[in-house]
Amino acid sequence: PWKFNLLKQVSAIDAGDLVYDCGDAQQFTQKVENAASELL
């Protein structure tokens, strides 16, 4: 029931999925922090 068109008010993108080496939790954790920090 929102009263505004979201995508006419906000410019948004799909940044895809974060890519990391399968099974490497440590690398993934650091990549999430780095990628999110850059986007912010």
PDB file of all heavy atoms in Angstrom:
ATOM      1  N   PRO A   1       0.800  -1.233   0.000  1.00  0.00           N
ATOM      2  CA  PRO A   1       0.000   0.000   0.000  1.00  0.00           C
ATOM      3  C   PRO A   1       0.834   1.285   0.000  1.00  0.00           C
ATOM      4  O   PRO A   1       0.332   2.335   0.381  1.00  0.00           O
ATOM      5  CB  PRO A   1      -0.758  -0.133   1.322  1.00  0.00           C
ATOM      6  CG  PRO A   1       0.247  -0.756   2.238  1.00  0.00           C
ATOM      7  CD  PRO A   1       1.038  -1.712   1.382  1.00  0.00           C
ATOM      8  N   TRP A   2       2.110   1.190  -0.372  1.00  0.00           N
ATOM      9  CA  TRP A   2       2.927   2.411  -0.445  1.00  0.00           C
ATOM     10  C   TRP A   2       2.351   3.360  -1.497  1.00  0.00           C
ATOM     11  O   TRP A   2       1.775   2.905  -2.489  1.00  0.00           O
ATOM     12  CB  TRP A   2       4.369   2.065  -0.775  1.00  0.00           C
ATOM     13  CG  TRP A   2       5.060   1.254   0.287  1.00  0.00           C
ATOM     14  CD1 TRP A   2       5.191  -0.105   0.322  1.00  0.00           C
ATOM     15  CD2 TRP A   2       5.696   1.747   1.471  1.00  0.00           C
ATOM     16  NE1 TRP A   2       5.872  -0.486   1.450  1.00  0.00           N
ATOM     17  CE2 TRP A   2       6.197   0.619   2.173  1.00  0.00           C
ATOM     18  CE3 TRP A   2       5.895   3.021   1.996  1.00  0.00           C
ATOM     19  CZ2 TRP A   2       6.883   0.741   3.380  1.00  0.00           C
ATOM     20  CZ3 TRP A   2       6.576   3.138   3.203  1.00  0.00           C
ATOM     21  CH2 TRP A   2       7.065   2.012   3.881  1.00  0.00           C
ATOM     22  N   LYS A   3       2.570   4.649  -1.287  1.00  0.00           N
ATOM     23  CA  LYS A   3       1.949   5.669  -2.139  1.00  0.00           C
ATOM     24  C   LYS A   3       2.933   6.313  -3.111  1.00  0.00           C
ATOM     25  O   LYS A   3       2.665   7.373  -3.657  1.00  0.00           O
ATOM     26  CB  LYS A   3       1.312   6.762  -1.271  1.00  0.00           C
ATOM     27  CG  LYS A   3       0.277   6.249  -0.269  1.00  0.00           C
ATOM     28  CD  LYS A   3      -0.894   5.565  -0.948  1.00  0.00           C
ATOM     29  CE  LYS A   3      -1.952   5.154   0.071  1.00  0.00           C
ATOM     30  NZ  LYS A   3      -3.068   4.412  -0.555  1.00  0.00           N
ATOM     31  N   PHE A   4       4.075   5.672  -3.316  1.00  0.00           N
ATOM     32  CA  PHE A   4       5.035   6.225  -4.270  1.00  0.00           C
ATOM     33  C   PHE A   4       5.657   5.095  -5.070  1.00  0.00           C
ATOM     34  O   PHE A   4       5.695   3.943  -4.637  1.00  0.00           O
ATOM     35  CB  PHE A   4       6.117   7.048  -3.555  1.00  0.00           C
ATOM     36  CG  PHE A   4       6.993   6.247  -2.623  1.00  0.00           C
ATOM     37  CD1 PHE A   4       8.201   5.722  -3.040  1.00  0.00           C
ATOM     38  CD2 PHE A   4       6.597   6.029  -1.305  1.00  0.00           C
ATOM     39  CE1 PHE A   4       9.015   4.995  -2.178  1.00  0.00           C
ATOM     40  CE2 PHE A   4       7.405   5.308  -0.431  1.00  0.00           C
ATOM     41  CZ  PHE A   4       8.609   4.786  -0.874  1.00  0.00           C
ATOM     42  N   ASN A   5       6.134   5.441  -6.255  1.00  0.00           N
ATOM     43  CA  ASN A   5       6.796   4.487  -7.137  1.00  0.00           C
ATOM     44  C   ASN A   5       8.265   4.420  -6.745  1.00  0.00           C
ATOM     45  O   ASN A   5       9.018   5.363  -6.970  1.00  0.00           O
ATOM     46  CB  ASN A   5       6.633   4.931  -8.597  1.00  0.00           C
ATOM     47  CG  ASN A   5       7.160   3.891  -9.571  1.00  0.00           C
ATOM     48  OD1 ASN A   5       8.228   3.327  -9.382  1.00  0.00           O
ATOM     49  ND2 ASN A   5       6.405   3.646 -10.638  1.00  0.00           N
ATOM     50  N   LEU A   6       8.670   3.320  -6.138  1.00  0.00           N
ATOM     51  CA  LEU A   6      10.013   3.193  -5.581  1.00  0.00           C
ATOM     52  C   LEU A   6      11.102   3.519  -6.587  1.00  0.00           C
ATOM     53  O   LEU A   6      11.999   4.327  -6.331  1.00  0.00           O
ATOM     54  CB  LEU A   6      10.206   1.768  -5.045  1.00  0.00           C
ATOM     55  CG  LEU A   6      11.613   1.434  -4.546  1.00  0.00           C
ATOM     56  CD1 LEU A   6      11.928   2.194  -3.274  1.00  0.00           C
ATOM     57  CD2 LEU A   6      11.762  -0.063  -4.330  1.00  0.00           C
ATOM     58  N   LEU A   7      11.040   2.906  -7.760  1.00  0.00           N
ATOM     59  CA  LEU A   7      12.141   3.018  -8.701  1.00  0.00           C
ATOM     60  C   LEU A   7      12.116   4.312  -9.499  1.00  0.00           C
ATOM     61  O   LEU A   7      13.027   4.576 -10.288  1.00  0.00           O
ATOM     62  CB  LEU A   7      12.169   1.800  -9.620  1.00  0.00           C
ATOM     63  CG  LEU A   7      12.375   0.466  -8.883  1.00  0.00           C
ATOM     64  CD1 LEU A   7      12.457  -0.682  -9.866  1.00  0.00           C
ATOM     65  CD2 LEU A   7      13.612   0.514  -7.990  1.00  0.00           C
ATOM     66  N   LYS A   8      11.073   5.132  -9.301  1.00  0.00           N
ATOM     67  CA  LYS A   8      11.103   6.492  -9.845  1.00  0.00           C
ATOM     68  C   LYS A   8      11.643   7.472  -8.816  1.00  0.00           C
ATOM     69  O   LYS A   8      12.004   8.603  -9.157  1.00  0.00           O
ATOM     70  CB  LYS A   8       9.701   6.908 -10.296  1.00  0.00           C
ATOM     71  CG  LYS A   8       9.247   6.206 -11.574  1.00  0.00           C
ATOM     72  CD  LYS A   8       7.939   6.760 -12.098  1.00  0.00           C
ATOM     73  CE  LYS A   8       7.552   6.094 -13.418  1.00  0.00           C
ATOM     74  NZ  LYS A   8       6.258   6.608 -13.945  1.00  0.00           N
ATOM     75  N   GLN A   9      11.679   7.047  -7.563  1.00  0.00           N
ATOM     76  CA  GLN A   9      12.200   7.897  -6.489  1.00  0.00           C
ATOM     77  C   GLN A   9      13.637   7.551  -6.119  1.00  0.00           C
ATOM     78  O   GLN A   9      14.375   8.410  -5.638  1.00  0.00           O
ATOM     79  CB  GLN A   9      11.319   7.761  -5.241  1.00  0.00           C
ATOM     80  CG  GLN A   9       9.899   8.262  -5.413  1.00  0.00           C
ATOM     81  CD  GLN A   9       9.825   9.773  -5.438  1.00  0.00           C
ATOM     82  OE1 GLN A   9      10.773  10.460  -5.074  1.00  0.00           O
ATOM     83  NE2 GLN A   9       8.690  10.304  -5.883  1.00  0.00           N
ATOM     84  N   VAL A  10      14.029   6.306  -6.340  1.00  0.00           N
ATOM     85  CA  VAL A  10      15.351   5.826  -5.926  1.00  0.00           C
ATOM     86  C   VAL A  10      16.034   5.163  -7.106  1.00  0.00           C
ATOM     87  O   VAL A  10      15.441   4.285  -7.759  1.00  0.00           O
ATOM     88  CB  VAL A  10      15.220   4.812  -4.766  1.00  0.00           C
ATOM     89  CG1 VAL A  10      16.583   4.218  -4.418  1.00  0.00           C
ATOM     90  CG2 VAL A  10      14.598   5.467  -3.546  1.00  0.00           C
ATOM     91  N   SER A  11      17.247   5.560  -7.397  1.00  0.00           N
ATOM     92  CA  SER A  11      18.033   4.871  -8.424  1.00  0.00           C
ATOM     93  C   SER A  11      18.732   3.683  -7.759  1.00  0.00           C
ATOM     94  O   SER A  11      19.486   3.846  -6.803  1.00  0.00           O
ATOM     95  CB  SER A  11      19.061   5.814  -9.049  1.00  0.00           C
ATOM     96  OG  SER A  11      19.908   6.369  -8.061  1.00  0.00           O
ATOM     97  N   ALA A  12      18.436   2.489  -8.249  1.00  0.00           N
ATOM     98  CA  ALA A  12      18.939   1.270  -7.624  1.00  0.00           C
ATOM     99  C   ALA A  12      19.547   0.352  -8.674  1.00  0.00           C
ATOM    100  O   ALA A  12      19.172   0.378  -9.844  1.00  0.00           O
ATOM    101  CB  ALA A  12      17.811   0.548  -6.886  1.00  0.00           C
ATOM    102  N   ILE A  13      20.500  -0.466  -8.223  1.00  0.00           N
ATOM    103  CA  ILE A  13      21.172  -1.423  -9.096  1.00  0.00           C
ATOM    104  C   ILE A  13      21.231  -2.780  -8.405  1.00  0.00           C
ATOM    105  O   ILE A  13      21.152  -2.883  -7.185  1.00  0.00           O
ATOM    106  CB  ILE A  13      22.612  -0.987  -9.441  1.00  0.00           C
ATOM    107  CG1 ILE A  13      23.407  -0.739  -8.146  1.00  0.00           C
ATOM    108  CG2 ILE A  13      22.614   0.226 -10.355  1.00  0.00           C
ATOM    109  CD1 ILE A  13      24.892  -0.537  -8.361  1.00  0.00           C
ATOM    110  N   ASP A  14      21.358  -3.820  -9.201  1.00  0.00           N
ATOM    111  CA  ASP A  14      21.699  -5.140  -8.699  1.00  0.00           C
ATOM    112  C   ASP A  14      23.205  -5.296  -8.903  1.00  0.00           C
ATOM    113  O   ASP A  14      23.700  -5.266 -10.030  1.00  0.00           O
ATOM    114  CB  ASP A  14      20.925  -6.224  -9.451  1.00  0.00           C
ATOM    115  CG  ASP A  14      21.073  -7.601  -8.830  1.00  0.00           C
ATOM    116  OD1 ASP A  14      22.150  -7.897  -8.287  1.00  0.00           O
ATOM    117  OD2 ASP A  14      20.099  -8.376  -8.881  1.00  0.00           O
ATOM    118  N   ALA A  15      23.923  -5.435  -7.797  1.00  0.00           N
ATOM    119  CA  ALA A  15      25.381  -5.557  -7.867  1.00  0.00           C
ATOM    120  C   ALA A  15      25.840  -6.990  -8.079  1.00  0.00           C
ATOM    121  O   ALA A  15      27.039  -7.281  -8.027  1.00  0.00           O
ATOM    122  CB  ALA A  15      26.004  -4.998  -6.583  1.00  0.00           C
ATOM    123  N   GLY A  16      24.885  -7.896  -8.339  1.00  0.00           N
ATOM    124  CA  GLY A  16      25.253  -9.283  -8.551  1.00  0.00           C
ATOM    125  C   GLY A  16      25.627  -9.964  -7.245  1.00  0.00           C
ATOM    126  O   GLY A  16      25.347  -9.471  -6.152  1.00  0.00           O
ATOM    127  N   ASP A  17      26.279 -11.108  -7.359  1.00  0.00           N
ATOM    128  CA  ASP A  17      26.720 -11.872  -6.190  1.00  0.00           C
ATOM    129  C   ASP A  17      28.208 -11.662  -5.951  1.00  0.00           C
ATOM    130  O   ASP A  17      29.000 -11.565  -6.897  1.00  0.00           O
ATOM    131  CB  ASP A  17      26.474 -13.373  -6.402  1.00  0.00           C
ATOM    132  CG  ASP A  17      25.006 -13.747  -6.298  1.00  0.00           C
ATOM    133  OD1 ASP A  17      24.232 -12.943  -5.751  1.00  0.00           O
ATOM    134  OD2 ASP A  17      24.645 -14.834  -6.776  1.00  0.00           O
ATOM    135  N   LEU A  18      28.581 -11.621  -4.686  1.00  0.00           N
ATOM    136  CA  LEU A  18      29.991 -11.561  -4.336  1.00  0.00           C
ATOM    137  C   LEU A  18      30.652 -12.890  -4.694  1.00  0.00           C
ATOM    138  O   LEU A  18      30.155 -13.961  -4.342  1.00  0.00           O
ATOM    139  CB  LEU A  18      30.146 -11.291  -2.841  1.00  0.00           C
ATOM    140  CG  LEU A  18      31.569 -11.032  -2.360  1.00  0.00           C
ATOM    141  CD1 LEU A  18      32.028  -9.660  -2.828  1.00  0.00           C
ATOM    142  CD2 LEU A  18      31.648 -11.123  -0.840  1.00  0.00           C
ATOM    143  N   VAL A  19      31.768 -12.824  -5.395  1.00  0.00           N
ATOM    144  CA  VAL A  19      32.484 -14.029  -5.825  1.00  0.00           C
ATOM    145  C   VAL A  19      33.652 -14.283  -4.874  1.00  0.00           C
ATOM    146  O   VAL A  19      34.394 -13.367  -4.520  1.00  0.00           O
ATOM    147  CB  VAL A  19      32.994 -13.873  -7.270  1.00  0.00           C
ATOM    148  CG1 VAL A  19      33.782 -15.104  -7.703  1.00  0.00           C
ATOM    149  CG2 VAL A  19      31.818 -13.629  -8.218  1.00  0.00           C
ATOM    150  N   TYR A  20      33.804 -15.526  -4.462  1.00  0.00           N
ATOM    151  CA  TYR A  20      34.902 -15.892  -3.573  1.00  0.00           C
ATOM    152  C   TYR A  20      35.292 -17.338  -3.863  1.00  0.00           C
ATOM    153  O   TYR A  20      34.560 -18.074  -4.541  1.00  0.00           O
ATOM    154  CB  TYR A  20      34.503 -15.730  -2.106  1.00  0.00           C
ATOM    155  CG  TYR A  20      33.368 -16.631  -1.671  1.00  0.00           C
ATOM    156  CD1 TYR A  20      33.622 -17.811  -0.972  1.00  0.00           C
ATOM    157  CD2 TYR A  20      32.039 -16.332  -1.966  1.00  0.00           C
ATOM    158  CE1 TYR A  20      32.587 -18.655  -0.587  1.00  0.00           C
ATOM    159  CE2 TYR A  20      31.002 -17.172  -1.583  1.00  0.00           C
ATOM    160  CZ  TYR A  20      31.287 -18.325  -0.893  1.00  0.00           C
ATOM    161  OH  TYR A  20      30.256 -19.158  -0.509  1.00  0.00           O
ATOM    162  N   ASP A  21      36.431 -17.755  -3.359  1.00  0.00           N
ATOM    163  CA  ASP A  21      36.883 -19.129  -3.566  1.00  0.00           C
ATOM    164  C   ASP A  21      36.022 -20.064  -2.729  1.00  0.00           C
ATOM    165  O   ASP A  21      35.938 -19.907  -1.499  1.00  0.00           O
ATOM    166  CB  ASP A  21      38.349 -19.287  -3.167  1.00  0.00           C
ATOM    167  CG  ASP A  21      39.282 -18.514  -4.088  1.00  0.00           C
ATOM    168  OD1 ASP A  21      38.880 -18.240  -5.231  1.00  0.00           O
ATOM    169  OD2 ASP A  21      40.404 -18.179  -3.652  1.00  0.00           O
ATOM    170  N   CYS A  22      35.409 -21.022  -3.372  1.00  0.00           N
ATOM    171  CA  CYS A  22      34.494 -21.924  -2.668  1.00  0.00           C
ATOM    172  C   CYS A  22      35.181 -22.585  -1.482  1.00  0.00           C
ATOM    173  O   CYS A  22      36.301 -23.100  -1.602  1.00  0.00           O
ATOM    174  CB  CYS A  22      33.980 -22.999  -3.622  1.00  0.00           C
ATOM    175  SG  CYS A  22      32.919 -22.345  -4.924  1.00  0.00           S
ATOM    176  N   GLY A  23      34.517 -22.561  -0.332  1.00  0.00           N
ATOM    177  CA  GLY A  23      35.038 -23.211   0.859  1.00  0.00           C
ATOM    178  C   GLY A  23      35.941 -22.350   1.709  1.00  0.00           C
ATOM    179  O   GLY A  23      36.349 -22.771   2.796  1.00  0.00           O
ATOM    180  N   ASP A  24      36.252 -21.134   1.256  1.00  0.00           N
ATOM    181  CA  ASP A  24      37.167 -20.273   2.005  1.00  0.00           C
ATOM    182  C   ASP A  24      36.360 -19.242   2.791  1.00  0.00           C
ATOM    183  O   ASP A  24      36.093 -18.134   2.318  1.00  0.00           O
ATOM    184  CB  ASP A  24      38.129 -19.571   1.040  1.00  0.00           C
ATOM    185  CG  ASP A  24      39.316 -18.942   1.755  1.00  0.00           C
ATOM    186  OD1 ASP A  24      39.159 -18.590   2.944  1.00  0.00           O
ATOM    187  OD2 ASP A  24      40.375 -18.786   1.128  1.00  0.00           O
ATOM    188  N   ALA A  25      35.959 -19.602   4.001  1.00  0.00           N
ATOM    189  CA  ALA A  25      35.129 -18.720   4.819  1.00  0.00           C
ATOM    190  C   ALA A  25      35.879 -17.455   5.231  1.00  0.00           C
ATOM    191  O   ALA A  25      35.286 -16.376   5.315  1.00  0.00           O
ATOM    192  CB  ALA A  25      34.647 -19.469   6.059  1.00  0.00           C
ATOM    193  N   GLN A  26      37.158 -17.594   5.492  1.00  0.00           N
ATOM    194  CA  GLN A  26      37.942 -16.428   5.897  1.00  0.00           C
ATOM    195  C   GLN A  26      38.018 -15.407   4.763  1.00  0.00           C
ATOM    196  O   GLN A  26      37.832 -14.205   4.976  1.00  0.00           O
ATOM    197  CB  GLN A  26      39.345 -16.853   6.321  1.00  0.00           C
ATOM    198  CG  GLN A  26      40.220 -15.687   6.789  1.00  0.00           C
ATOM    199  CD  GLN A  26      41.593 -16.148   7.260  1.00  0.00           C
ATOM    200  OE1 GLN A  26      41.929 -17.324   7.176  1.00  0.00           O
ATOM    201  NE2 GLN A  26      42.387 -15.216   7.764  1.00  0.00           N
ATOM    202  N   GLN A  27      38.293 -15.889   3.560  1.00  0.00           N
ATOM    203  CA  GLN A  27      38.355 -14.985   2.413  1.00  0.00           C
ATOM    204  C   GLN A  27      37.003 -14.333   2.170  1.00  0.00           C
ATOM    205  O   GLN A  27      36.912 -13.124   1.926  1.00  0.00           O
ATOM    206  CB  GLN A  27      38.790 -15.745   1.166  1.00  0.00           C
ATOM    207  CG  GLN A  27      38.928 -14.861  -0.070  1.00  0.00           C
ATOM    208  CD  GLN A  27      38.850 -15.668  -1.346  1.00  0.00           C
ATOM    209  OE1 GLN A  27      37.779 -16.075  -1.767  1.00  0.00           O
ATOM    210  NE2 GLN A  27      40.010 -15.908  -1.969  1.00  0.00           N
ATOM    211  N   PHE A  28      35.939 -15.131   2.251  1.00  0.00           N
ATOM    212  CA  PHE A  28      34.601 -14.585   2.047  1.00  0.00           C
ATOM    213  C   PHE A  28      34.307 -13.469   3.036  1.00  0.00           C
ATOM    214  O   PHE A  28      33.807 -12.405   2.662  1.00  0.00           O
ATOM    215  CB  PHE A  28      33.556 -15.696   2.201  1.00  0.00           C
ATOM    216  CG  PHE A  28      32.139 -15.189   2.227  1.00  0.00           C
ATOM    217  CD1 PHE A  28      31.459 -14.916   1.050  1.00  0.00           C
ATOM    218  CD2 PHE A  28      31.496 -14.963   3.437  1.00  0.00           C
ATOM    219  CE1 PHE A  28      30.161 -14.419   1.074  1.00  0.00           C
ATOM    220  CE2 PHE A  28      30.192 -14.474   3.472  1.00  0.00           C
ATOM    221  CZ  PHE A  28      29.520 -14.207   2.291  1.00  0.00           C
ATOM    222  N   THR A  29      34.610 -13.703   4.297  1.00  0.00           N
ATOM    223  CA  THR A  29      34.320 -12.722   5.338  1.00  0.00           C
ATOM    224  C   THR A  29      35.009 -11.396   5.049  1.00  0.00           C
ATOM    225  O   THR A  29      34.394 -10.322   5.160  1.00  0.00           O
ATOM    226  CB  THR A  29      34.760 -13.261   6.710  1.00  0.00           C
ATOM    227  OG1 THR A  29      34.118 -14.519   6.944  1.00  0.00           O
ATOM    228  CG2 THR A  29      34.394 -12.299   7.829  1.00  0.00           C
ATOM    229  N   GLN A  30      36.273 -11.458   4.675  1.00  0.00           N
ATOM    230  CA  GLN A  30      37.005 -10.236   4.385  1.00  0.00           C
ATOM    231  C   GLN A  30      36.501  -9.564   3.117  1.00  0.00           C
ATOM    232  O   GLN A  30      36.403  -8.330   3.042  1.00  0.00           O
ATOM    233  CB  GLN A  30      38.502 -10.530   4.255  1.00  0.00           C
ATOM    234  CG  GLN A  30      39.375  -9.276   4.247  1.00  0.00           C
ATOM    235  CD  GLN A  30      39.222  -8.465   5.521  1.00  0.00           C
ATOM    236  OE1 GLN A  30      39.412  -8.975   6.626  1.00  0.00           O
ATOM    237  NE2 GLN A  30      38.852  -7.193   5.385  1.00  0.00           N
ATOM    238  N   LYS A  31      36.121 -10.376   2.130  1.00  0.00           N
ATOM    239  CA  LYS A  31      35.605  -9.804   0.888  1.00  0.00           C
ATOM    240  C   LYS A  31      34.275  -9.091   1.108  1.00  0.00           C
ATOM    241  O   LYS A  31      34.017  -8.041   0.505  1.00  0.00           O
ATOM    242  CB  LYS A  31      35.444 -10.898  -0.180  1.00  0.00           C
ATOM    243  CG  LYS A  31      36.722 -11.227  -0.936  1.00  0.00           C
ATOM    244  CD  LYS A  31      36.410 -11.964  -2.236  1.00  0.00           C
ATOM    245  CE  LYS A  31      37.596 -11.965  -3.165  1.00  0.00           C
ATOM    246  NZ  LYS A  31      37.278 -12.502  -4.499  1.00  0.00           N
ATOM    247  N   VAL A  32      33.412  -9.655   1.964  1.00  0.00           N
ATOM    248  CA  VAL A  32      32.149  -8.981   2.267  1.00  0.00           C
ATOM    249  C   VAL A  32      32.420  -7.626   2.900  1.00  0.00           C
ATOM    250  O   VAL A  32      31.845  -6.607   2.494  1.00  0.00           O
ATOM    251  CB  VAL A  32      31.277  -9.835   3.215  1.00  0.00           C
ATOM    252  CG1 VAL A  32      30.047  -9.045   3.656  1.00  0.00           C
ATOM    253  CG2 VAL A  32      30.838 -11.120   2.533  1.00  0.00           C
ATOM    254  N   GLU A  33      33.281  -7.609   3.894  1.00  0.00           N
ATOM    255  CA  GLU A  33      33.586  -6.346   4.569  1.00  0.00           C
ATOM    256  C   GLU A  33      34.164  -5.333   3.584  1.00  0.00           C
ATOM    257  O   GLU A  33      33.772  -4.155   3.581  1.00  0.00           O
ATOM    258  CB  GLU A  33      34.560  -6.591   5.718  1.00  0.00           C
ATOM    259  CG  GLU A  33      34.884  -5.327   6.504  1.00  0.00           C
ATOM    260  CD  GLU A  33      35.799  -5.581   7.677  1.00  0.00           C
ATOM    261  OE1 GLU A  33      35.977  -6.749   8.079  1.00  0.00           O
ATOM    262  OE2 GLU A  33      36.356  -4.584   8.211  1.00  0.00           O
ATOM    263  N   ASN A  34      35.087  -5.771   2.737  1.00  0.00           N
ATOM    264  CA  ASN A  34      35.715  -4.846   1.788  1.00  0.00           C
ATOM    265  C   ASN A  34      34.719  -4.334   0.750  1.00  0.00           C
ATOM    266  O   ASN A  34      34.677  -3.139   0.444  1.00  0.00           O
ATOM    267  CB  ASN A  34      36.889  -5.528   1.086  1.00  0.00           C
ATOM    268  CG  ASN A  34      38.035  -5.856   2.026  1.00  0.00           C
ATOM    269  OD1 ASN A  34      38.082  -5.341   3.140  1.00  0.00           O
ATOM    270  ND2 ASN A  34      38.941  -6.710   1.589  1.00  0.00           N
ATOM    271  N   ALA A  35      33.925  -5.253   0.186  1.00  0.00           N
ATOM    272  CA  ALA A  35      32.977  -4.861  -0.857  1.00  0.00           C
ATOM    273  C   ALA A  35      31.920  -3.917  -0.304  1.00  0.00           C
ATOM    274  O   ALA A  35      31.582  -2.900  -0.925  1.00  0.00           O
ATOM    275  CB  ALA A  35      32.320  -6.104  -1.462  1.00  0.00           C
ATOM    276  N   ALA A  36      31.373  -4.257   0.854  1.00  0.00           N
ATOM    277  CA  ALA A  36      30.360  -3.393   1.460  1.00  0.00           C
ATOM    278  C   ALA A  36      30.948  -2.039   1.822  1.00  0.00           C
ATOM    279  O   ALA A  36      30.296  -1.005   1.642  1.00  0.00           O
ATOM    280  CB  ALA A  36      29.768  -4.074   2.695  1.00  0.00           C
ATOM    281  N   SER A  37      32.167  -2.031   2.320  1.00  0.00           N
ATOM    282  CA  SER A  37      32.812  -0.763   2.676  1.00  0.00           C
ATOM    283  C   SER A  37      32.982   0.134   1.453  1.00  0.00           C
ATOM    284  O   SER A  37      32.758   1.348   1.518  1.00  0.00           O
ATOM    285  CB  SER A  37      34.174  -1.024   3.324  1.00  0.00           C
ATOM    286  OG  SER A  37      34.035  -1.720   4.547  1.00  0.00           O
ATOM    287  N   GLU A  38      33.354  -0.466   0.324  1.00  0.00           N
ATOM    288  CA  GLU A  38      33.522   0.320  -0.898  1.00  0.00           C
ATOM    289  C   GLU A  38      32.191   0.878  -1.388  1.00  0.00           C
ATOM    290  O   GLU A  38      32.108   2.040  -1.815  1.00  0.00           O
ATOM    291  CB  GLU A  38      34.171  -0.537  -1.982  1.00  0.00           C
ATOM    292  CG  GLU A  38      35.641  -0.841  -1.746  1.00  0.00           C
ATOM    293  CD  GLU A  38      36.272  -1.541  -2.929  1.00  0.00           C
ATOM    294  OE1 GLU A  38      35.653  -1.570  -4.012  1.00  0.00           O
ATOM    295  OE2 GLU A  38      37.390  -2.066  -2.777  1.00  0.00           O
ATOM    296  N   LEU A  39      31.151   0.058  -1.338  1.00  0.00           N
ATOM    297  CA  LEU A  39      29.832   0.535  -1.774  1.00  0.00           C
ATOM    298  C   LEU A  39      29.334   1.667  -0.876  1.00  0.00           C
ATOM    299  O   LEU A  39      28.810   2.671  -1.363  1.00  0.00           O
ATOM    300  CB  LEU A  39      28.834  -0.623  -1.773  1.00  0.00           C
ATOM    301  CG  LEU A  39      28.993  -1.642  -2.908  1.00  0.00           C
ATOM    302  CD1 LEU A  39      28.172  -2.884  -2.619  1.00  0.00           C
ATOM    303  CD2 LEU A  39      28.578  -1.024  -4.241  1.00  0.00           C
ATOM    304  N   LEU A  40      29.506   1.515   0.422  1.00  0.00           N
ATOM    305  CA  LEU A  40      29.064   2.556   1.349  1.00  0.00           C
ATOM    306  C   LEU A  40      29.889   3.830   1.164  1.00  0.00           C
ATOM    307  O   LEU A  40      29.350   4.944   1.199  1.00  0.00           O
ATOM    308  CB  LEU A  40      29.177   2.058   2.790  1.00  0.00           C
ATOM    309  CG  LEU A  40      28.218   0.928   3.175  1.00  0.00           C
ATOM    310  CD1 LEU A  40      28.583   0.367   4.546  1.00  0.00           C
ATOM    311  CD2 LEU A  40      26.770   1.401   3.172  1.00  0.00           C
TER     312      LEU A  40
END
